[in-house]
Amino acid sequence: MGITPGVLHLNEGHSGFAVLEAIRTRMEEEGVSFDQAVPRVSREVCFTTHTPVPAGHDRFSADLMEEHLGPLRDQLDFHMTGLMELAREPA
């Protein structure tokens, strides 16, 4: 379509993995590290939620995260502990 979006609008937590893909894309296109890509992508993300209760947010086990996100995690040159920390809720 030739469209380059200026903002990635995420609605609810289930779309959060799109941010990791945006970071991976930025790393690949600009040849930057994960730590350099994160602030560049974060300026382009808008998150909204309409269900601010636990039922409105997905939760996944570490095993399921590794099974499905392992290849992306490898491309991000990131370790599993770091990936889990990105999504961990404050105690």
N, C-alpha and C. Protein backbone atom coordinates (compact mmCIF):
# COMPACT_ATOMS: atom_id res chain seq x y z
N MET A 1 0.82 -1.19 0.00
CA MET A 1 0.00 0.00 0.00
C MET A 1 0.86 1.26 0.00
N GLY A 2 2.12 1.12 0.32
CA GLY A 2 3.00 2.28 0.32
C GLY A 2 2.79 3.22 1.50
N ILE A 3 2.19 2.72 2.56
CA ILE A 3 1.91 3.55 3.73
C ILE A 3 2.94 3.25 4.82
N THR A 4 3.52 4.28 5.37
CA THR A 4 4.42 4.12 6.51
C THR A 4 3.76 4.78 7.71
N PRO A 5 3.18 3.98 8.60
CA PRO A 5 2.47 4.57 9.74
C PRO A 5 3.42 5.33 10.66
N GLY A 6 2.92 6.40 11.24
CA GLY A 6 3.71 7.19 12.18
C GLY A 6 3.49 6.79 13.62
N VAL A 7 2.39 6.07 13.88
CA VAL A 7 2.06 5.66 15.25
C VAL A 7 1.55 4.22 15.22
N LEU A 8 2.01 3.45 16.19
CA LEU A 8 1.52 2.10 16.37
C LEU A 8 0.56 2.16 17.55
N HIS A 9 -0.75 2.06 17.27
CA HIS A 9 -1.75 2.15 18.33
C HIS A 9 -2.08 0.75 18.81
N LEU A 10 -1.84 0.50 20.08
CA LEU A 10 -2.12 -0.79 20.69
C LEU A 10 -3.32 -0.65 21.61
N ASN A 11 -4.27 -1.55 21.46
CA ASN A 11 -5.45 -1.53 22.31
C ASN A 11 -5.50 -2.84 23.07
N GLU A 12 -5.30 -2.76 24.36
CA GLU A 12 -5.27 -3.91 25.26
C GLU A 12 -3.92 -4.63 25.14
N GLY A 13 -3.61 -5.44 26.12
CA GLY A 13 -2.32 -6.06 26.23
C GLY A 13 -2.00 -7.10 25.18
N HIS A 14 -3.02 -7.73 24.57
CA HIS A 14 -2.74 -8.79 23.61
C HIS A 14 -2.02 -8.29 22.37
N SER A 15 -2.00 -7.01 22.15
CA SER A 15 -1.28 -6.46 20.99
C SER A 15 0.15 -6.06 21.35
N GLY A 16 0.53 -6.25 22.60
CA GLY A 16 1.86 -5.82 23.06
C GLY A 16 3.02 -6.44 22.33
N PHE A 17 2.85 -7.66 21.81
CA PHE A 17 3.94 -8.31 21.10
C PHE A 17 4.30 -7.57 19.81
N ALA A 18 3.39 -6.76 19.30
CA ALA A 18 3.67 -5.97 18.10
C ALA A 18 4.84 -5.01 18.35
N VAL A 19 5.00 -4.56 19.58
CA VAL A 19 6.11 -3.66 19.91
C VAL A 19 7.44 -4.38 19.73
N LEU A 20 7.50 -5.64 20.13
CA LEU A 20 8.75 -6.40 19.95
C LEU A 20 9.09 -6.53 18.47
N GLU A 21 8.10 -6.74 17.65
CA GLU A 21 8.35 -6.83 16.21
C GLU A 21 8.79 -5.48 15.65
N ALA A 22 8.20 -4.40 16.14
CA ALA A 22 8.62 -3.06 15.70
C ALA A 22 10.07 -2.79 16.10
N ILE A 23 10.45 -3.24 17.29
CA ILE A 23 11.84 -3.09 17.73
C ILE A 23 12.77 -3.91 16.85
N ARG A 24 12.38 -5.15 16.55
CA ARG A 24 13.20 -6.00 15.69
C ARG A 24 13.38 -5.38 14.31
N THR A 25 12.30 -4.84 13.77
CA THR A 25 12.36 -4.20 12.46
C THR A 25 13.30 -2.99 12.49
N ARG A 26 13.19 -2.18 13.53
CA ARG A 26 14.06 -1.01 13.66
C ARG A 26 15.53 -1.43 13.76
N MET A 27 15.80 -2.47 14.54
CA MET A 27 17.17 -2.98 14.67
C MET A 27 17.72 -3.39 13.31
N GLU A 28 16.90 -4.11 12.55
CA GLU A 28 17.31 -4.60 11.24
C GLU A 28 17.50 -3.46 10.24
N GLU A 29 16.55 -2.56 10.16
CA GLU A 29 16.60 -1.49 9.17
C GLU A 29 17.68 -0.45 9.46
N GLU A 30 17.90 -0.16 10.75
CA GLU A 30 18.84 0.90 11.10
C GLU A 30 20.17 0.38 11.63
N GLY A 31 20.27 -0.94 11.80
CA GLY A 31 21.51 -1.52 12.29
C GLY A 31 21.86 -1.08 13.71
N VAL A 32 20.82 -0.96 14.56
CA VAL A 32 21.04 -0.52 15.94
C VAL A 32 20.79 -1.67 16.90
N SER A 33 21.21 -1.50 18.14
CA SER A 33 21.00 -2.52 19.17
C SER A 33 19.58 -2.43 19.72
N PHE A 34 19.21 -3.44 20.49
CA PHE A 34 17.91 -3.44 21.16
C PHE A 34 17.75 -2.19 22.01
N ASP A 35 18.77 -1.88 22.82
CA ASP A 35 18.70 -0.72 23.71
C ASP A 35 18.59 0.60 22.95
N GLN A 36 19.13 0.66 21.75
CA GLN A 36 19.00 1.87 20.94
C GLN A 36 17.64 1.93 20.26
N ALA A 37 17.09 0.78 19.89
CA ALA A 37 15.81 0.74 19.18
C ALA A 37 14.63 1.04 20.09
N VAL A 38 14.71 0.63 21.36
CA VAL A 38 13.57 0.78 22.27
C VAL A 38 13.10 2.23 22.37
N PRO A 39 13.96 3.21 22.68
CA PRO A 39 13.43 4.58 22.79
C PRO A 39 12.92 5.14 21.46
N ARG A 40 13.50 4.69 20.36
CA ARG A 40 13.03 5.16 19.05
C ARG A 40 11.61 4.65 18.77
N VAL A 41 11.37 3.38 19.10
CA VAL A 41 10.04 2.80 18.88
C VAL A 41 9.04 3.34 19.90
N SER A 42 9.47 3.53 21.14
CA SER A 42 8.53 3.96 22.18
C SER A 42 7.90 5.32 21.86
N ARG A 43 8.61 6.16 21.12
CA ARG A 43 8.05 7.47 20.73
C ARG A 43 6.91 7.32 19.72
N GLU A 44 6.78 6.12 19.14
CA GLU A 44 5.80 5.90 18.09
C GLU A 44 4.67 4.97 18.52
N VAL A 45 4.58 4.69 19.83
CA VAL A 45 3.58 3.75 20.33
C VAL A 45 2.58 4.47 21.24
N CYS A 46 1.32 4.19 21.01
CA CYS A 46 0.25 4.70 21.86
C CYS A 46 -0.53 3.49 22.36
N PHE A 47 -0.63 3.33 23.68
CA PHE A 47 -1.33 2.19 24.27
C PHE A 47 -2.59 2.68 24.96
N THR A 48 -3.70 2.01 24.67
CA THR A 48 -4.95 2.30 25.37
C THR A 48 -5.56 0.99 25.86
N THR A 49 -6.33 1.09 26.89
CA THR A 49 -7.05 -0.09 27.39
C THR A 49 -8.47 0.32 27.75
N HIS A 50 -9.38 -0.56 27.47
CA HIS A 50 -10.79 -0.32 27.79
C HIS A 50 -11.26 -1.28 28.87
N THR A 51 -10.38 -2.19 29.26
CA THR A 51 -10.72 -3.20 30.26
C THR A 51 -9.65 -3.20 31.34
N PRO A 52 -9.64 -2.21 32.23
CA PRO A 52 -8.57 -2.10 33.24
C PRO A 52 -8.75 -3.03 34.44
N VAL A 53 -9.05 -4.29 34.14
CA VAL A 53 -9.19 -5.32 35.17
C VAL A 53 -8.38 -6.53 34.71
N PRO A 54 -8.00 -7.42 35.62
CA PRO A 54 -7.18 -8.58 35.22
C PRO A 54 -7.73 -9.38 34.04
N ALA A 55 -9.03 -9.52 33.94
CA ALA A 55 -9.61 -10.31 32.85
C ALA A 55 -9.33 -9.71 31.47
N GLY A 56 -8.99 -8.45 31.43
CA GLY A 56 -8.73 -7.78 30.16
C GLY A 56 -7.29 -7.88 29.70
N HIS A 57 -6.46 -8.60 30.43
CA HIS A 57 -5.04 -8.68 30.09
C HIS A 57 -4.59 -10.13 30.03
N ASP A 58 -3.94 -10.46 28.93
CA ASP A 58 -3.46 -11.82 28.74
C ASP A 58 -2.29 -12.12 29.66
N ARG A 59 -2.18 -13.37 30.07
CA ARG A 59 -1.06 -13.85 30.86
C ARG A 59 -0.58 -15.14 30.22
N PHE A 60 0.74 -15.28 30.11
CA PHE A 60 1.32 -16.45 29.47
C PHE A 60 2.43 -17.00 30.35
N SER A 61 2.56 -18.31 30.37
CA SER A 61 3.64 -18.94 31.11
C SER A 61 4.97 -18.70 30.39
N ALA A 62 6.06 -18.83 31.13
CA ALA A 62 7.40 -18.66 30.55
C ALA A 62 7.62 -19.68 29.44
N ASP A 63 7.15 -20.91 29.64
CA ASP A 63 7.32 -21.95 28.62
C ASP A 63 6.60 -21.59 27.32
N LEU A 64 5.38 -21.08 27.44
CA LEU A 64 4.63 -20.70 26.26
C LEU A 64 5.27 -19.50 25.57
N MET A 65 5.76 -18.57 26.36
CA MET A 65 6.46 -17.41 25.79
C MET A 65 7.69 -17.87 25.00
N GLU A 66 8.46 -18.76 25.58
CA GLU A 66 9.66 -19.25 24.90
C GLU A 66 9.31 -20.01 23.64
N GLU A 67 8.27 -20.83 23.72
CA GLU A 67 7.86 -21.62 22.55
C GLU A 67 7.52 -20.73 21.36
N HIS A 68 6.77 -19.67 21.61
CA HIS A 68 6.28 -18.84 20.51
C HIS A 68 7.16 -17.63 20.22
N LEU A 69 7.85 -17.13 21.21
CA LEU A 69 8.67 -15.92 21.00
C LEU A 69 10.16 -16.20 20.96
N GLY A 70 10.55 -17.46 21.15
CA GLY A 70 11.97 -17.80 21.15
C GLY A 70 12.71 -17.30 19.91
N PRO A 71 12.19 -17.56 18.70
CA PRO A 71 12.89 -17.07 17.50
C PRO A 71 12.99 -15.54 17.45
N LEU A 72 11.93 -14.85 17.84
CA LEU A 72 11.98 -13.38 17.88
C LEU A 72 12.95 -12.92 18.95
N ARG A 73 12.93 -13.56 20.11
CA ARG A 73 13.86 -13.22 21.18
C ARG A 73 15.30 -13.36 20.69
N ASP A 74 15.58 -14.43 19.94
CA ASP A 74 16.92 -14.64 19.39
C ASP A 74 17.30 -13.51 18.43
N GLN A 75 16.35 -13.10 17.58
CA GLN A 75 16.62 -12.01 16.63
C GLN A 75 16.86 -10.69 17.35
N LEU A 76 16.24 -10.52 18.52
CA LEU A 76 16.45 -9.31 19.31
C LEU A 76 17.75 -9.38 20.09
N ASP A 77 18.42 -10.54 20.04
CA ASP A 77 19.64 -10.79 20.80
C ASP A 77 19.39 -10.52 22.28
N PHE A 78 18.32 -11.13 22.76
CA PHE A 78 17.82 -10.89 24.10
C PHE A 78 17.75 -12.23 24.82
N HIS A 79 17.89 -12.23 26.11
CA HIS A 79 17.77 -13.46 26.89
C HIS A 79 16.36 -13.57 27.45
N MET A 80 15.95 -14.78 27.79
CA MET A 80 14.57 -15.02 28.25
C MET A 80 14.26 -14.24 29.52
N THR A 81 15.20 -14.16 30.44
CA THR A 81 14.96 -13.41 31.68
C THR A 81 14.61 -11.96 31.38
N GLY A 82 15.35 -11.36 30.48
CA GLY A 82 15.09 -9.97 30.09
C GLY A 82 13.74 -9.80 29.44
N LEU A 83 13.37 -10.76 28.60
CA LEU A 83 12.07 -10.69 27.94
C LEU A 83 10.94 -10.76 28.96
N MET A 84 11.08 -11.65 29.93
CA MET A 84 10.04 -11.77 30.96
C MET A 84 9.98 -10.51 31.82
N GLU A 85 11.10 -9.88 32.07
CA GLU A 85 11.12 -8.66 32.87
C GLU A 85 10.39 -7.52 32.19
N LEU A 86 10.42 -7.49 30.86
CA LEU A 86 9.73 -6.44 30.12
C LEU A 86 8.23 -6.42 30.43
N ALA A 87 7.67 -7.59 30.67
CA ALA A 87 6.22 -7.71 30.85
C ALA A 87 5.79 -7.93 32.29
N ARG A 88 6.75 -8.06 33.19
CA ARG A 88 6.41 -8.36 34.57
C ARG A 88 5.71 -7.17 35.23
N GLU A 89 4.66 -7.47 35.96
CA GLU A 89 3.94 -6.44 36.71
C GLU A 89 4.72 -6.11 37.98
N PRO A 90 4.74 -4.85 38.36
CA PRO A 90 5.41 -4.50 39.63
C PRO A 90 4.70 -5.17 40.80
N ALA A 91 5.46 -5.59 41.77
CA ALA A 91 4.88 -6.26 42.95
C ALA A 91 4.19 -5.26 43.86
